[in-house]
Amino acid sequence: MNKSNEIMHLIQQHFWEMSEETSLNLGNEPVLPEDAEAFFVEFFQRFAVDAENFDFSRYFPNPGIRFLPNRILPDYLKTQHQPAQNLTVKMIVASGIAGKWLY
């Protein structure tokens, strides 16, 4: 099995069968951030992908506690107001093959 197929198999194990154009975080069937986080831990380790440029919050911004202002919250609870960038299966496969996060 080639690396691309192995990555697609891992995606299917964590979520469901997806095409390369499928978005993990946007659209009608986004995955839960907790599930995506577990996937990426295994993905980076299993395929020895350098995660230095990967910013999880770029794709899954923290919703925070919306009824409380950010100024009184610790950083890990603050609402991130930027829109999520699209995260596709194609991006994951390309990064897995390259050995580093490309996006």
PDB file of N, CA and C in Angstrom:
ATOM      1  N   MET A   1       0.858  -1.180   0.000  1.00  0.00           N
ATOM      2  CA  MET A   1       0.000   0.000   0.000  1.00  0.00           C
ATOM      3  C   MET A   1       0.900   1.238   0.000  1.00  0.00           C
ATOM      4  N   ASN A   2       0.602   2.200  -0.884  1.00  0.00           N
ATOM      5  CA  ASN A   2       1.420   3.405  -0.920  1.00  0.00           C
ATOM      6  C   ASN A   2       0.988   4.388   0.175  1.00  0.00           C
ATOM      7  N   LYS A   3       1.806   5.402   0.391  1.00  0.00           N
ATOM      8  CA  LYS A   3       1.575   6.335   1.495  1.00  0.00           C
ATOM      9  C   LYS A   3       0.225   7.045   1.386  1.00  0.00           C
ATOM     10  N   SER A   4      -0.136   7.448   0.195  1.00  0.00           N
ATOM     11  CA  SER A   4      -1.425   8.116  -0.022  1.00  0.00           C
ATOM     12  C   SER A   4      -2.582   7.227   0.421  1.00  0.00           C
ATOM     13  N   ASN A   5      -2.534   5.967   0.037  1.00  0.00           N
ATOM     14  CA  ASN A   5      -3.588   5.024   0.428  1.00  0.00           C
ATOM     15  C   ASN A   5      -3.586   4.775   1.929  1.00  0.00           C
ATOM     16  N   GLU A   6      -2.399   4.724   2.533  1.00  0.00           N
ATOM     17  CA  GLU A   6      -2.310   4.541   3.979  1.00  0.00           C
ATOM     18  C   GLU A   6      -2.946   5.714   4.720  1.00  0.00           C
ATOM     19  N   ILE A   7      -2.709   6.923   4.224  1.00  0.00           N
ATOM     20  CA  ILE A   7      -3.292   8.117   4.849  1.00  0.00           C
ATOM     21  C   ILE A   7      -4.810   8.101   4.699  1.00  0.00           C
ATOM     22  N   MET A   8      -5.277   7.742   3.508  1.00  0.00           N
ATOM     23  CA  MET A   8      -6.727   7.658   3.278  1.00  0.00           C
ATOM     24  C   MET A   8      -7.348   6.596   4.193  1.00  0.00           C
ATOM     25  N   HIS A   9      -6.641   5.504   4.414  1.00  0.00           N
ATOM     26  CA  HIS A   9      -7.129   4.449   5.301  1.00  0.00           C
ATOM     27  C   HIS A   9      -7.221   4.967   6.741  1.00  0.00           C
ATOM     28  N   LEU A  10      -6.218   5.721   7.178  1.00  0.00           N
ATOM     29  CA  LEU A  10      -6.251   6.302   8.527  1.00  0.00           C
ATOM     30  C   LEU A  10      -7.420   7.274   8.677  1.00  0.00           C
ATOM     31  N   ILE A  11      -7.664   8.082   7.666  1.00  0.00           N
ATOM     32  CA  ILE A  11      -8.801   9.008   7.689  1.00  0.00           C
ATOM     33  C   ILE A  11     -10.103   8.232   7.827  1.00  0.00           C
ATOM     34  N   GLN A  12     -10.221   7.160   7.058  1.00  0.00           N
ATOM     35  CA  GLN A  12     -11.436   6.336   7.130  1.00  0.00           C
ATOM     36  C   GLN A  12     -11.587   5.685   8.502  1.00  0.00           C
ATOM     37  N   GLN A  13     -10.496   5.271   9.116  1.00  0.00           N
ATOM     38  CA  GLN A  13     -10.560   4.674  10.449  1.00  0.00           C
ATOM     39  C   GLN A  13     -11.051   5.682  11.487  1.00  0.00           C
ATOM     40  N   HIS A  14     -10.608   6.924  11.368  1.00  0.00           N
ATOM     41  CA  HIS A  14     -10.979   7.947  12.348  1.00  0.00           C
ATOM     42  C   HIS A  14     -12.351   8.558  12.077  1.00  0.00           C
ATOM     43  N   PHE A  15     -12.732   8.656  10.819  1.00  0.00           N
ATOM     44  CA  PHE A  15     -13.973   9.354  10.467  1.00  0.00           C
ATOM     45  C   PHE A  15     -14.874   8.446   9.631  1.00  0.00           C
ATOM     46  N   TRP A  16     -14.804   8.583   8.340  1.00  0.00           N
ATOM     47  CA  TRP A  16     -15.557   7.774   7.381  1.00  0.00           C
ATOM     48  C   TRP A  16     -14.850   7.918   6.042  1.00  0.00           C
ATOM     49  N   GLU A  17     -15.271   7.178   5.053  1.00  0.00           N
ATOM     50  CA  GLU A  17     -14.642   7.269   3.729  1.00  0.00           C
ATOM     51  C   GLU A  17     -14.920   8.646   3.139  1.00  0.00           C
ATOM     52  N   MET A  18     -13.858   9.322   2.741  1.00  0.00           N
ATOM     53  CA  MET A  18     -13.969  10.685   2.203  1.00  0.00           C
ATOM     54  C   MET A  18     -13.190  10.777   0.892  1.00  0.00           C
ATOM     55  N   SER A  19     -13.644  11.655   0.006  1.00  0.00           N
ATOM     56  CA  SER A  19     -12.882  11.942  -1.210  1.00  0.00           C
ATOM     57  C   SER A  19     -11.808  12.974  -0.863  1.00  0.00           C
ATOM     58  N   GLU A  20     -10.875  13.176  -1.764  1.00  0.00           N
ATOM     59  CA  GLU A  20      -9.797  14.138  -1.505  1.00  0.00           C
ATOM     60  C   GLU A  20     -10.318  15.570  -1.401  1.00  0.00           C
ATOM     61  N   GLU A  21     -11.451  15.848  -1.984  1.00  0.00           N
ATOM     62  CA  GLU A  21     -11.998  17.211  -1.950  1.00  0.00           C
ATOM     63  C   GLU A  21     -12.845  17.473  -0.701  1.00  0.00           C
ATOM     64  N   THR A  22     -13.086  16.463   0.107  1.00  0.00           N
ATOM     65  CA  THR A  22     -13.910  16.612   1.300  1.00  0.00           C
ATOM     66  C   THR A  22     -13.229  17.514   2.314  1.00  0.00           C
ATOM     67  N   SER A  23     -14.000  18.405   2.903  1.00  0.00           N
ATOM     68  CA  SER A  23     -13.514  19.284   3.966  1.00  0.00           C
ATOM     69  C   SER A  23     -13.799  18.636   5.314  1.00  0.00           C
ATOM     70  N   LEU A  24     -12.796  18.612   6.167  1.00  0.00           N
ATOM     71  CA  LEU A  24     -12.993  18.046   7.499  1.00  0.00           C
ATOM     72  C   LEU A  24     -13.714  19.011   8.426  1.00  0.00           C
ATOM     73  N   ASN A  25     -13.575  20.303   8.189  1.00  0.00           N
ATOM     74  CA  ASN A  25     -14.079  21.276   9.157  1.00  0.00           C
ATOM     75  C   ASN A  25     -15.206  22.169   8.646  1.00  0.00           C
ATOM     76  N   LEU A  26     -15.458  22.198   7.374  1.00  0.00           N
ATOM     77  CA  LEU A  26     -16.522  23.050   6.822  1.00  0.00           C
ATOM     78  C   LEU A  26     -17.511  22.185   6.047  1.00  0.00           C
ATOM     79  N   GLY A  27     -18.666  22.720   5.764  1.00  0.00           N
ATOM     80  CA  GLY A  27     -19.646  21.979   4.973  1.00  0.00           C
ATOM     81  C   GLY A  27     -20.714  21.336   5.833  1.00  0.00           C
ATOM     82  N   ASN A  28     -21.413  20.380   5.236  1.00  0.00           N
ATOM     83  CA  ASN A  28     -22.568  19.757   5.878  1.00  0.00           C
ATOM     84  C   ASN A  28     -22.212  18.740   6.952  1.00  0.00           C
ATOM     85  N   GLU A  29     -21.035  18.113   6.854  1.00  0.00           N
ATOM     86  CA  GLU A  29     -20.660  17.064   7.801  1.00  0.00           C
ATOM     87  C   GLU A  29     -19.260  17.293   8.369  1.00  0.00           C
ATOM     88  N   PRO A  30     -19.057  18.377   9.102  1.00  0.00           N
ATOM     89  CA  PRO A  30     -17.727  18.587   9.678  1.00  0.00           C
ATOM     90  C   PRO A  30     -17.458  17.596  10.814  1.00  0.00           C
ATOM     91  N   VAL A  31     -16.201  17.265  10.994  1.00  0.00           N
ATOM     92  CA  VAL A  31     -15.837  16.383  12.097  1.00  0.00           C
ATOM     93  C   VAL A  31     -15.716  17.214  13.371  1.00  0.00           C
ATOM     94  N   LEU A  32     -15.855  16.571  14.494  1.00  0.00           N
ATOM     95  CA  LEU A  32     -15.720  17.266  15.769  1.00  0.00           C
ATOM     96  C   LEU A  32     -14.259  17.632  16.005  1.00  0.00           C
ATOM     97  N   PRO A  33     -13.994  18.796  16.577  1.00  0.00           N
ATOM     98  CA  PRO A  33     -12.603  19.183  16.850  1.00  0.00           C
ATOM     99  C   PRO A  33     -11.856  18.144  17.684  1.00  0.00           C
ATOM    100  N   GLU A  34     -12.530  17.529  18.647  1.00  0.00           N
ATOM    101  CA  GLU A  34     -11.879  16.525  19.493  1.00  0.00           C
ATOM    102  C   GLU A  34     -11.445  15.317  18.668  1.00  0.00           C
ATOM    103  N   ASP A  35     -12.285  14.913  17.714  1.00  0.00           N
ATOM    104  CA  ASP A  35     -11.944  13.783  16.850  1.00  0.00           C
ATOM    105  C   ASP A  35     -10.804  14.157  15.900  1.00  0.00           C
ATOM    106  N   ALA A  36     -10.848  15.383  15.381  1.00  0.00           N
ATOM    107  CA  ALA A  36      -9.781  15.847  14.493  1.00  0.00           C
ATOM    108  C   ALA A  36      -8.450  15.919  15.235  1.00  0.00           C
ATOM    109  N   GLU A  37      -8.483  16.372  16.471  1.00  0.00           N
ATOM    110  CA  GLU A  37      -7.259  16.464  17.252  1.00  0.00           C
ATOM    111  C   GLU A  37      -6.637  15.084  17.464  1.00  0.00           C
ATOM    112  N   ALA A  38      -7.451  14.103  17.797  1.00  0.00           N
ATOM    113  CA  ALA A  38      -6.961  12.730  17.975  1.00  0.00           C
ATOM    114  C   ALA A  38      -6.384  12.190  16.666  1.00  0.00           C
ATOM    115  N   PHE A  39      -7.051  12.488  15.556  1.00  0.00           N
ATOM    116  CA  PHE A  39      -6.547  12.057  14.250  1.00  0.00           C
ATOM    117  C   PHE A  39      -5.175  12.651  13.983  1.00  0.00           C
ATOM    118  N   PHE A  40      -5.022  13.963  14.185  1.00  0.00           N
ATOM    119  CA  PHE A  40      -3.760  14.614  13.850  1.00  0.00           C
ATOM    120  C   PHE A  40      -2.606  14.152  14.741  1.00  0.00           C
ATOM    121  N   VAL A  41      -2.875  13.846  15.974  1.00  0.00           N
ATOM    122  CA  VAL A  41      -1.824  13.296  16.839  1.00  0.00           C
ATOM    123  C   VAL A  41      -1.283  12.009  16.207  1.00  0.00           C
ATOM    124  N   GLU A  42      -2.183  11.116  15.805  1.00  0.00           N
ATOM    125  CA  GLU A  42      -1.752   9.863  15.191  1.00  0.00           C
ATOM    126  C   GLU A  42      -1.130  10.093  13.821  1.00  0.00           C
ATOM    127  N   PHE A  43      -1.717  10.964  13.016  1.00  0.00           N
ATOM    128  CA  PHE A  43      -1.216  11.255  11.667  1.00  0.00           C
ATOM    129  C   PHE A  43       0.221  11.752  11.709  1.00  0.00           C
ATOM    130  N   PHE A  44       0.501  12.760  12.528  1.00  0.00           N
ATOM    131  CA  PHE A  44       1.848  13.329  12.582  1.00  0.00           C
ATOM    132  C   PHE A  44       2.865  12.308  13.086  1.00  0.00           C
ATOM    133  N   GLN A  45       2.471  11.512  14.047  1.00  0.00           N
ATOM    134  CA  GLN A  45       3.385  10.515  14.605  1.00  0.00           C
ATOM    135  C   GLN A  45       3.591   9.338  13.643  1.00  0.00           C
ATOM    136  N   ARG A  46       2.515   8.794  13.154  1.00  0.00           N
ATOM    137  CA  ARG A  46       2.593   7.584  12.325  1.00  0.00           C
ATOM    138  C   ARG A  46       3.334   7.804  11.011  1.00  0.00           C
ATOM    139  N   PHE A  47       3.143   8.978  10.413  1.00  0.00           N
ATOM    140  CA  PHE A  47       3.756   9.251   9.114  1.00  0.00           C
ATOM    141  C   PHE A  47       4.974  10.165   9.222  1.00  0.00           C
ATOM    142  N   ALA A  48       5.438  10.421  10.454  1.00  0.00           N
ATOM    143  CA  ALA A  48       6.626  11.253  10.704  1.00  0.00           C
ATOM    144  C   ALA A  48       6.538  12.581   9.960  1.00  0.00           C
ATOM    145  N   VAL A  49       5.387  13.251  10.102  1.00  0.00           N
ATOM    146  CA  VAL A  49       5.158  14.536   9.451  1.00  0.00           C
ATOM    147  C   VAL A  49       5.549  15.645  10.427  1.00  0.00           C
ATOM    148  N   ASP A  50       6.378  16.572   9.961  1.00  0.00           N
ATOM    149  CA  ASP A  50       6.790  17.709  10.783  1.00  0.00           C
ATOM    150  C   ASP A  50       5.591  18.638  10.960  1.00  0.00           C
ATOM    151  N   ALA A  51       5.155  18.820  12.199  1.00  0.00           N
ATOM    152  CA  ALA A  51       3.954  19.605  12.506  1.00  0.00           C
ATOM    153  C   ALA A  51       4.262  21.046  12.886  1.00  0.00           C
ATOM    154  N   GLU A  52       5.498  21.482  12.669  1.00  0.00           N
ATOM    155  CA  GLU A  52       5.901  22.819  13.105  1.00  0.00           C
ATOM    156  C   GLU A  52       4.997  23.925  12.555  1.00  0.00           C
ATOM    157  N   ASN A  53       4.588  23.830  11.315  1.00  0.00           N
ATOM    158  CA  ASN A  53       3.751  24.875  10.700  1.00  0.00           C
ATOM    159  C   ASN A  53       2.255  24.632  10.856  1.00  0.00           C
ATOM    160  N   PHE A  54       1.880  23.568  11.544  1.00  0.00           N
ATOM    161  CA  PHE A  54       0.464  23.243  11.703  1.00  0.00           C
ATOM    162  C   PHE A  54      -0.117  24.005  12.879  1.00  0.00           C
ATOM    163  N   ASP A  55      -1.196  24.734  12.624  1.00  0.00           N
ATOM    164  CA  ASP A  55      -1.904  25.479  13.667  1.00  0.00           C
ATOM    165  C   ASP A  55      -3.348  24.986  13.683  1.00  0.00           C
ATOM    166  N   PHE A  56      -3.648  24.128  14.642  1.00  0.00           N
ATOM    167  CA  PHE A  56      -4.973  23.519  14.736  1.00  0.00           C
ATOM    168  C   PHE A  56      -6.074  24.576  14.775  1.00  0.00           C
ATOM    169  N   SER A  57      -5.828  25.674  15.483  1.00  0.00           N
ATOM    170  CA  SER A  57      -6.860  26.713  15.625  1.00  0.00           C
ATOM    171  C   SER A  57      -7.147  27.448  14.318  1.00  0.00           C
ATOM    172  N   ARG A  58      -6.290  27.315  13.323  1.00  0.00           N
ATOM    173  CA  ARG A  58      -6.546  27.901  12.008  1.00  0.00           C
ATOM    174  C   ARG A  58      -7.749  27.211  11.360  1.00  0.00           C
ATOM    175  N   TYR A  59      -7.897  25.927  11.650  1.00  0.00           N
ATOM    176  CA  TYR A  59      -8.960  25.131  11.044  1.00  0.00           C
ATOM    177  C   TYR A  59     -10.127  24.880  11.993  1.00  0.00           C
ATOM    178  N   PHE A  60      -9.838  24.886  13.277  1.00  0.00           N
ATOM    179  CA  PHE A  60     -10.859  24.681  14.310  1.00  0.00           C
ATOM    180  C   PHE A  60     -10.691  25.767  15.382  1.00  0.00           C
ATOM    181  N   PRO A  61     -11.138  27.003  15.081  1.00  0.00           N
ATOM    182  CA  PRO A  61     -11.002  28.076  16.074  1.00  0.00           C
ATOM    183  C   PRO A  61     -11.761  27.750  17.357  1.00  0.00           C
ATOM    184  N   ASN A  62     -11.195  28.156  18.466  1.00  0.00           N
ATOM    185  CA  ASN A  62     -11.812  27.907  19.765  1.00  0.00           C
ATOM    186  C   ASN A  62     -13.098  28.741  19.881  1.00  0.00           C
ATOM    187  N   PRO A  63     -14.233  28.087  20.116  1.00  0.00           N
ATOM    188  CA  PRO A  63     -15.481  28.848  20.259  1.00  0.00           C
ATOM    189  C   PRO A  63     -15.537  29.613  21.578  1.00  0.00           C
ATOM    190  N   GLY A  64     -14.703  29.231  22.533  1.00  0.00           N
ATOM    191  CA  GLY A  64     -14.651  29.931  23.809  1.00  0.00           C
ATOM    192  C   GLY A  64     -15.943  29.840  24.590  1.00  0.00           C
ATOM    193  N   ILE A  65     -16.119  30.788  25.466  1.00  0.00           N
ATOM    194  CA  ILE A  65     -17.360  30.919  26.241  1.00  0.00           C
ATOM    195  C   ILE A  65     -17.979  32.235  25.795  1.00  0.00           C
ATOM    196  N   ARG A  66     -18.903  32.152  24.888  1.00  0.00           N
ATOM    197  CA  ARG A  66     -19.399  33.338  24.179  1.00  0.00           C
ATOM    198  C   ARG A  66     -20.061  34.383  25.084  1.00  0.00           C
ATOM    199  N   PHE A  67     -20.614  33.964  26.197  1.00  0.00           N
ATOM    200  CA  PHE A  67     -21.307  34.935  27.039  1.00  0.00           C
ATOM    201  C   PHE A  67     -20.361  35.642  28.014  1.00  0.00           C
ATOM    202  N   LEU A  68     -19.088  35.293  28.008  1.00  0.00           N
ATOM    203  CA  LEU A  68     -18.101  35.958  28.860  1.00  0.00           C
ATOM    204  C   LEU A  68     -17.085  36.686  27.985  1.00  0.00           C
ATOM    205  N   PRO A  69     -16.672  37.887  28.383  1.00  0.00           N
ATOM    206  CA  PRO A  69     -15.684  38.618  27.573  1.00  0.00           C
ATOM    207  C   PRO A  69     -14.295  37.982  27.670  1.00  0.00           C
ATOM    208  N   ASN A  70     -13.567  38.022  26.564  1.00  0.00           N
ATOM    209  CA  ASN A  70     -12.234  37.434  26.508  1.00  0.00           C
ATOM    210  C   ASN A  70     -11.287  38.001  27.565  1.00  0.00           C
ATOM    211  N   ARG A  71     -11.446  39.268  27.915  1.00  0.00           N
ATOM    212  CA  ARG A  71     -10.492  39.903  28.830  1.00  0.00           C
ATOM    213  C   ARG A  71     -10.470  39.273  30.218  1.00  0.00           C
ATOM    214  N   ILE A  72     -11.530  38.543  30.588  1.00  0.00           N
ATOM    215  CA  ILE A  72     -11.535  37.920  31.913  1.00  0.00           C
ATOM    216  C   ILE A  72     -11.233  36.421  31.875  1.00  0.00           C
ATOM    217  N   LEU A  73     -11.015  35.891  30.655  1.00  0.00           N
ATOM    218  CA  LEU A  73     -10.797  34.452  30.493  1.00  0.00           C
ATOM    219  C   LEU A  73      -9.314  34.127  30.302  1.00  0.00           C
ATOM    220  N   PRO A  74      -8.893  32.953  30.772  1.00  0.00           N
ATOM    221  CA  PRO A  74      -7.531  32.511  30.441  1.00  0.00           C
ATOM    222  C   PRO A  74      -7.450  32.220  28.939  1.00  0.00           C
ATOM    223  N   ASP A  75      -6.264  32.226  28.387  1.00  0.00           N
ATOM    224  CA  ASP A  75      -6.083  32.075  26.936  1.00  0.00           C
ATOM    225  C   ASP A  75      -6.786  30.849  26.355  1.00  0.00           C
ATOM    226  N   TYR A  76      -6.728  29.730  27.052  1.00  0.00           N
ATOM    227  CA  TYR A  76      -7.296  28.507  26.475  1.00  0.00           C
ATOM    228  C   TYR A  76      -8.823  28.533  26.401  1.00  0.00           C
ATOM    229  N   LEU A  77      -9.471  29.485  27.049  1.00  0.00           N
ATOM    230  CA  LEU A  77     -10.936  29.596  26.994  1.00  0.00           C
ATOM    231  C   LEU A  77     -11.422  30.771  26.149  1.00  0.00           C
ATOM    232  N   LYS A  78     -10.500  31.578  25.651  1.00  0.00           N
ATOM    233  CA  LYS A  78     -10.894  32.765  24.882  1.00  0.00           C
ATOM    234  C   LYS A  78     -11.489  32.389  23.531  1.00  0.00           C
ATOM    235  N   THR A  79     -12.485  33.146  23.117  1.00  0.00           N
ATOM    236  CA  THR A  79     -13.113  32.957  21.823  1.00  0.00           C
ATOM    237  C   THR A  79     -12.176  33.462  20.739  1.00  0.00           C
ATOM    238  N   GLN A  80     -11.951  32.639  19.721  1.00  0.00           N
ATOM    239  CA  GLN A  80     -11.171  33.058  18.561  1.00  0.00           C
ATOM    240  C   GLN A  80     -12.168  33.454  17.479  1.00  0.00           C
ATOM    241  N   HIS A  81     -12.108  34.704  17.085  1.00  0.00           N
ATOM    242  CA  HIS A  81     -13.132  35.248  16.193  1.00  0.00           C
ATOM    243  C   HIS A  81     -12.816  35.087  14.703  1.00  0.00           C
ATOM    244  N   GLN A  82     -11.631  34.607  14.353  1.00  0.00           N
ATOM    245  CA  GLN A  82     -11.307  34.449  12.937  1.00  0.00           C
ATOM    246  C   GLN A  82     -12.098  33.288  12.347  1.00  0.00           C
ATOM    247  N   PRO A  83     -12.468  33.394  11.073  1.00  0.00           N
ATOM    248  CA  PRO A  83     -13.184  32.278  10.434  1.00  0.00           C
ATOM    249  C   PRO A  83     -12.239  31.102  10.209  1.00  0.00           C
ATOM    250  N   ALA A  84     -12.782  29.909  10.246  1.00  0.00           N
ATOM    251  CA  ALA A  84     -11.990  28.700  10.010  1.00  0.00           C
ATOM    252  C   ALA A  84     -11.566  28.636   8.543  1.00  0.00           C
ATOM    253  N   GLN A  85     -10.320  28.262   8.314  1.00  0.00           N
ATOM    254  CA  GLN A  85      -9.841  28.019   6.956  1.00  0.00           C
ATOM    255  C   GLN A  85     -10.199  26.587   6.574  1.00  0.00           C
ATOM    256  N   ASN A  86     -10.461  26.384   5.314  1.00  0.00           N
ATOM    257  CA  ASN A  86     -10.859  25.068   4.823  1.00  0.00           C
ATOM    258  C   ASN A  86      -9.721  24.060   5.002  1.00  0.00           C
ATOM    259  N   LEU A  87     -10.033  22.885   5.509  1.00  0.00           N
ATOM    260  CA  LEU A  87      -9.073  21.800   5.713  1.00  0.00           C
ATOM    261  C   LEU A  87      -9.581  20.581   4.953  1.00  0.00           C
ATOM    262  N   THR A  88      -8.917  20.255   3.854  1.00  0.00           N
ATOM    263  CA  THR A  88      -9.379  19.151   3.015  1.00  0.00           C
ATOM    264  C   THR A  88      -8.507  17.907   3.178  1.00  0.00           C
ATOM    265  N   VAL A  89      -9.061  16.801   2.776  1.00  0.00           N
ATOM    266  CA  VAL A  89      -8.336  15.537   2.771  1.00  0.00           C
ATOM    267  C   VAL A  89      -7.113  15.659   1.862  1.00  0.00           C
ATOM    268  N   LYS A  90      -7.262  16.349   0.756  1.00  0.00           N
ATOM    269  CA  LYS A  90      -6.156  16.540  -0.194  1.00  0.00           C
ATOM    270  C   LYS A  90      -4.966  17.221   0.481  1.00  0.00           C
ATOM    271  N   MET A  91      -5.225  18.199   1.351  1.00  0.00           N
ATOM    272  CA  MET A  91      -4.166  18.887   2.084  1.00  0.00           C
ATOM    273  C   MET A  91      -3.436  17.925   3.020  1.00  0.00           C
ATOM    274  N   ILE A  92      -4.187  17.059   3.668  1.00  0.00           N
ATOM    275  CA  ILE A  92      -3.601  16.088   4.598  1.00  0.00           C
ATOM    276  C   ILE A  92      -2.727  15.097   3.845  1.00  0.00           C
ATOM    277  N   VAL A  93      -3.231  14.582   2.738  1.00  0.00           N
ATOM    278  CA  VAL A  93      -2.476  13.612   1.947  1.00  0.00           C
ATOM    279  C   VAL A  93      -1.194  14.249   1.408  1.00  0.00           C
ATOM    280  N   ALA A  94      -1.291  15.451   0.846  1.00  0.00           N
ATOM    281  CA  ALA A  94      -0.109  16.125   0.295  1.00  0.00           C
ATOM    282  C   ALA A  94       0.939  16.372   1.376  1.00  0.00           C
ATOM    283  N   SER A  95       0.506  16.774   2.555  1.00  0.00           N
ATOM    284  CA  SER A  95       1.440  17.015   3.654  1.00  0.00           C
ATOM    285  C   SER A  95       2.057  15.714   4.145  1.00  0.00           C
ATOM    286  N   GLY A  96       1.271  14.661   4.188  1.00  0.00           N
ATOM    287  CA  GLY A  96       1.791  13.359   4.599  1.00  0.00           C
ATOM    288  C   GLY A  96       2.866  12.855   3.654  1.00  0.00           C
ATOM    289  N   ILE A  97       2.661  13.044   2.372  1.00  0.00           N
ATOM    290  CA  ILE A  97       3.641  12.624   1.375  1.00  0.00           C
ATOM    291  C   ILE A  97       4.898  13.483   1.460  1.00  0.00           C
ATOM    292  N   ALA A  98       4.727  14.791   1.689  1.00  0.00           N
ATOM    293  CA  ALA A  98       5.859  15.726   1.771  1.00  0.00           C
ATOM    294  C   ALA A  98       6.659  15.570   3.076  1.00  0.00           C
ATOM    295  N   GLY A  99       6.001  15.047   4.124  1.00  0.00           N
ATOM    296  CA  GLY A  99       6.688  14.875   5.394  1.00  0.00           C
ATOM    297  C   GLY A  99       6.694  16.117   6.263  1.00  0.00           C
ATOM    298  N   LYS A 100       5.925  17.130   5.860  1.00  0.00           N
ATOM    299  CA  LYS A 100       5.780  18.349   6.660  1.00  0.00           C
ATOM    300  C   LYS A 100       4.448  18.993   6.325  1.00  0.00           C
ATOM    301  N   TRP A 101       3.930  19.789   7.266  1.00  0.00           N
ATOM    302  CA  TRP A 101       2.650  20.444   7.002  1.00  0.00           C
ATOM    303  C   TRP A 101       2.875  21.559   6.001  1.00  0.00           C
ATOM    304  N   LEU A 102       2.186  21.500   4.877  1.00  0.00           N
ATOM    305  CA  LEU A 102       2.401  22.422   3.768  1.00  0.00           C
ATOM    306  C   LEU A 102       1.514  23.657   3.803  1.00  0.00           C
ATOM    307  N   TYR A 103       0.516  23.658   4.655  1.00  0.00           N
ATOM    308  CA  TYR A 103      -0.477  24.721   4.593  1.00  0.00           C
ATOM    309  C   TYR A 103      -0.473  25.515   5.859  1.00  0.00           C
TER     310      TYR A 103
END
